[in-house]
């Protein structure tokens, strides 16, 4: 994609860096949202939601099969526009580094920043398995796209948050955690009758 880029421009100027930041945040939002709504992608991402406690170790519990799920495809437009792949990877690294520190239940309110930034307050809702919290707060560093596209939620005021996969059996086996959903998905696709049913088993919403 970068070889066929549309534009050549400085990668270090303030306008380019701002555009890269906003572009990567926008695409990350949709990649993250797709990871919850497309079972093929959820098979990788569910590993990150398997911890039953929210702390910094949950931030680094990641699936082994991200490339197989196709996560990188969402960020190809940045290279096509003209951002060098190393610059794109660097910005995504900043995004993930920031997110490391919001995986915590220590969630003091941050005033006006809560309107713009993804904070521990917002991200603990994303990890909660309470029904009202499911598929909410997908943002990386920003929470703006959740507000604009209707996926934002505050924590329920009188309901304790619970973490872990809905209906998932707890396990300390890393292979089962990493590959369990892949196994279940492929088994469901094998049992499904007809092409449409098999496609839905692979690429429909999880639990559908």
Protein backbone atom coordinates (compact mmCIF):
# COMPACT_ATOMS: atom_id res chain seq x y z
CA UNK A 1 0.00 0.00 0.00
CA UNK A 2 2.81 2.40 0.81
CA UNK A 3 4.46 1.75 -2.56
CA UNK A 4 1.23 2.92 -4.18
CA UNK A 5 0.71 5.83 -1.77
CA UNK A 6 -1.35 8.78 -2.84
CA UNK A 7 0.84 11.53 -1.37
CA UNK A 8 4.42 12.26 -0.35
CA UNK A 9 4.78 14.55 2.65
CA UNK A 10 6.91 15.16 5.71
CA UNK A 11 6.28 12.53 8.38
CA UNK A 12 7.52 14.70 11.24
CA UNK A 13 5.57 17.94 10.88
CA UNK A 14 2.85 18.81 13.36
CA UNK A 15 -0.01 18.58 10.80
CA UNK A 16 1.14 15.13 9.68
CA UNK A 17 1.50 13.84 13.23
CA UNK A 18 -1.91 15.19 14.19
CA UNK A 19 -3.45 13.59 11.11
CA UNK A 20 -1.72 10.30 11.89
CA UNK A 21 -2.91 10.41 15.48
CA UNK A 22 -6.54 11.11 14.58
CA UNK A 23 -6.48 8.67 11.67
CA UNK A 24 -5.01 5.85 13.73
CA UNK A 25 -7.50 6.51 16.55
CA UNK A 26 -10.41 6.44 14.11
CA UNK A 27 -9.26 3.20 12.49
CA UNK A 28 -8.41 1.65 15.87
CA UNK A 29 -11.97 2.35 17.02
CA UNK A 30 -13.41 0.45 14.06
CA UNK A 31 -10.88 -2.38 14.30
CA UNK A 32 -11.67 -2.77 18.00
CA UNK A 33 -15.40 -2.62 17.36
CA UNK A 34 -15.11 -5.23 14.63
CA UNK A 35 -13.13 -7.44 17.01
CA UNK A 36 -16.21 -7.60 19.21
CA UNK A 37 -18.80 -8.01 16.46
CA UNK A 38 -17.10 -10.43 14.03
CA UNK A 39 -16.49 -13.84 15.52
CA UNK A 40 -13.39 -14.51 13.37
CA UNK A 41 -11.77 -11.50 15.02
CA UNK A 42 -13.31 -12.13 18.44
CA UNK A 43 -11.57 -15.51 18.50
CA UNK A 44 -8.32 -13.58 19.02
CA UNK A 45 -9.62 -10.62 21.00
CA UNK A 46 -11.57 -12.66 23.56
CA UNK A 47 -8.23 -13.61 25.13
CA UNK A 48 -7.85 -10.00 26.23
CA UNK A 49 -11.27 -10.13 27.91
CA UNK A 50 -10.70 -13.42 29.70
CA UNK A 51 -9.19 -12.04 32.96
CA UNK A 52 -11.66 -11.91 35.82
CA UNK A 53 -9.76 -9.07 37.48
CA UNK A 54 -8.89 -5.77 35.86
CA UNK A 55 -5.30 -4.77 36.53
CA UNK A 56 -2.15 -4.00 34.55
CA UNK A 57 -1.51 -7.67 33.82
CA UNK A 58 -4.80 -7.76 31.88
CA UNK A 59 -3.33 -5.19 29.50
CA UNK A 60 -0.71 -7.64 28.26
CA UNK A 61 -2.96 -10.70 28.05
CA UNK A 62 -3.28 -10.69 24.27
CA UNK A 63 -4.18 -13.30 21.69
CA UNK A 64 -1.55 -15.12 19.64
CA UNK A 65 -3.49 -15.00 16.38
CA UNK A 66 -3.89 -11.29 15.62
CA UNK A 67 -2.43 -11.54 12.12
CA UNK A 68 -4.70 -14.47 11.31
CA UNK A 69 -7.69 -12.42 12.43
CA UNK A 70 -6.65 -9.64 10.05
CA UNK A 71 -6.29 -6.77 12.52
CA UNK A 72 -3.58 -5.12 10.41
CA UNK A 73 -5.96 -4.72 7.45
CA UNK A 74 -7.76 -1.86 9.18
CA UNK A 75 -4.64 0.30 9.21
CA UNK A 76 -3.62 -0.13 5.56
CA UNK A 77 -5.40 3.12 4.56
CA UNK A 78 -2.82 5.07 6.57
CA UNK A 79 -0.02 3.63 4.45
CA UNK A 80 -2.02 4.22 1.27
CA UNK A 81 -2.46 7.89 2.16
CA UNK A 82 1.32 8.18 2.55
CA UNK A 83 2.36 7.44 6.12
CA UNK A 84 5.41 5.20 6.30
CA UNK A 85 4.59 1.80 7.84
CA UNK A 86 7.18 2.33 10.60
CA UNK A 87 5.51 5.61 11.53
CA UNK A 88 2.11 3.91 11.62
CA UNK A 89 3.43 1.11 13.83
CA UNK A 90 5.05 3.71 16.08
CA UNK A 91 1.78 5.58 16.57
CA UNK A 92 -0.08 2.35 17.31
CA UNK A 93 2.64 1.55 19.84
CA UNK A 94 1.95 4.87 21.58
CA UNK A 95 -1.74 3.98 21.60
CA UNK A 96 -1.10 0.59 23.22
CA UNK A 97 1.37 2.05 25.72
CA UNK A 98 -1.25 4.56 26.83
CA UNK A 99 -3.83 1.79 27.16
CA UNK A 100 -1.54 -0.23 29.41
CA UNK A 101 -2.08 2.32 32.18
CA UNK A 102 -5.88 2.42 31.93
CA UNK A 103 -6.29 -1.27 32.74
CA UNK A 104 -6.99 -0.65 36.40
CA UNK A 105 -9.91 -0.32 38.78
CA UNK A 106 -8.16 2.67 40.35
CA UNK A 107 -10.29 5.11 38.41
CA UNK A 108 -10.26 8.66 39.79
CA UNK A 109 -12.39 11.08 37.81
CA UNK A 110 -10.24 13.31 35.58
CA UNK A 111 -12.62 16.20 35.11
CA UNK A 112 -12.99 17.60 31.56
CA UNK A 113 -10.55 14.99 30.21
CA UNK A 114 -13.28 12.39 30.72
CA UNK A 115 -15.16 13.97 27.80
CA UNK A 116 -12.28 13.47 25.37
CA UNK A 117 -9.84 10.83 26.62
CA UNK A 118 -10.30 7.14 27.23
CA UNK A 119 -9.66 6.93 30.97
CA UNK A 120 -9.61 4.09 33.53
CA UNK A 121 -13.21 5.04 34.36
CA UNK A 122 -14.28 4.38 30.78
CA UNK A 123 -12.09 1.38 30.09
CA UNK A 124 -13.23 -0.62 33.08
CA UNK A 125 -16.74 -0.39 31.58
CA UNK A 126 -15.36 -1.84 28.34
CA UNK A 127 -13.94 -4.84 30.20
CA UNK A 128 -17.01 -5.41 32.36
CA UNK A 129 -19.29 -8.32 31.51
CA UNK A 130 -22.40 -6.66 32.96
CA UNK A 131 -25.10 -6.64 30.29
CA UNK A 132 -25.28 -2.84 30.15
CA UNK A 133 -21.50 -2.65 29.57
CA UNK A 134 -21.14 -5.16 26.73
CA UNK A 135 -19.69 -3.80 23.47
CA UNK A 136 -19.07 -0.31 24.80
CA UNK A 137 -16.15 2.14 24.96
CA UNK A 138 -13.95 0.85 22.14
CA UNK A 139 -11.65 3.88 21.99
CA UNK A 140 -7.87 3.71 22.28
CA UNK A 141 -6.60 7.02 23.62
CA UNK A 142 -9.74 8.97 22.73
CA UNK A 143 -13.33 8.33 23.76
CA UNK A 144 -14.73 10.77 21.18
CA UNK A 145 -15.63 8.20 18.53
CA UNK A 146 -17.64 6.20 21.06
CA UNK A 147 -19.61 9.32 21.89
CA UNK A 148 -20.14 10.15 18.21
CA UNK A 149 -21.06 6.62 17.06
CA UNK A 150 -23.28 5.66 19.99
CA UNK A 151 -21.11 3.09 21.75
CA UNK A 152 -20.27 5.10 24.88
CA UNK A 153 -21.50 4.02 28.30
CA UNK A 154 -20.86 5.11 31.86
CA UNK A 155 -20.55 2.54 34.62
CA UNK A 156 -23.95 1.57 36.07
CA UNK A 157 -24.34 3.67 39.25
CA UNK A 158 -25.68 0.97 41.59
CA UNK A 159 -24.25 -2.20 40.11
CA UNK A 160 -20.81 -3.69 40.81
CA UNK A 161 -18.75 -4.43 37.73
CA UNK A 162 -17.84 -8.03 36.91
CA UNK A 163 -15.05 -9.05 34.56
CA UNK A 164 -14.37 -12.05 32.36
CA UNK A 165 -16.10 -13.66 29.40
CA UNK A 166 -19.87 -14.00 29.43
CA UNK A 167 -20.61 -17.69 29.92
CA UNK A 168 -16.92 -18.55 29.71
CA UNK A 169 -15.37 -21.23 31.88
CA UNK A 170 -12.38 -20.03 33.90
CA UNK A 171 -9.09 -21.62 32.94
CA UNK A 172 -5.41 -21.24 33.74
CA UNK A 173 -4.38 -23.22 30.65
CA UNK A 174 -2.78 -20.71 28.24
CA UNK A 175 -3.42 -22.89 25.18
CA UNK A 176 -7.09 -23.24 26.05
CA UNK A 177 -7.37 -19.50 26.67
CA UNK A 178 -5.62 -18.62 23.39
CA UNK A 179 -7.27 -21.18 21.11
CA UNK A 180 -10.51 -22.17 22.82
CA UNK A 181 -12.73 -19.80 20.83
CA UNK A 182 -11.06 -20.78 17.56
CA UNK A 183 -11.84 -24.41 18.33
CA UNK A 184 -15.45 -23.65 19.23
CA UNK A 185 -15.94 -21.44 16.18
CA UNK A 186 -14.57 -24.00 13.73
CA UNK A 187 -16.62 -26.73 15.39
CA UNK A 188 -19.78 -24.62 15.01
CA UNK A 189 -18.93 -23.90 11.37
CA UNK A 190 -18.42 -27.62 10.72
CA UNK A 191 -21.82 -28.46 12.19
CA UNK A 192 -23.65 -25.63 10.40
CA UNK A 193 -25.87 -26.66 7.49
CA UNK A 194 -25.36 -24.68 4.30
CA UNK A 195 -22.94 -22.04 3.11
CA UNK A 196 -24.79 -19.12 4.69
CA UNK A 197 -24.93 -20.81 8.07
CA UNK A 198 -21.24 -21.67 7.93
CA UNK A 199 -20.39 -18.09 6.97
CA UNK A 200 -22.48 -16.79 9.87
CA UNK A 201 -20.72 -19.15 12.27
CA UNK A 202 -17.35 -17.75 11.20
CA UNK A 203 -18.10 -14.08 10.59
CA UNK A 204 -21.34 -13.34 12.39
CA UNK A 205 -21.50 -11.77 15.85
CA UNK A 206 -20.22 -13.89 18.74
CA UNK A 207 -23.01 -15.77 20.44
CA UNK A 208 -25.43 -15.30 17.55
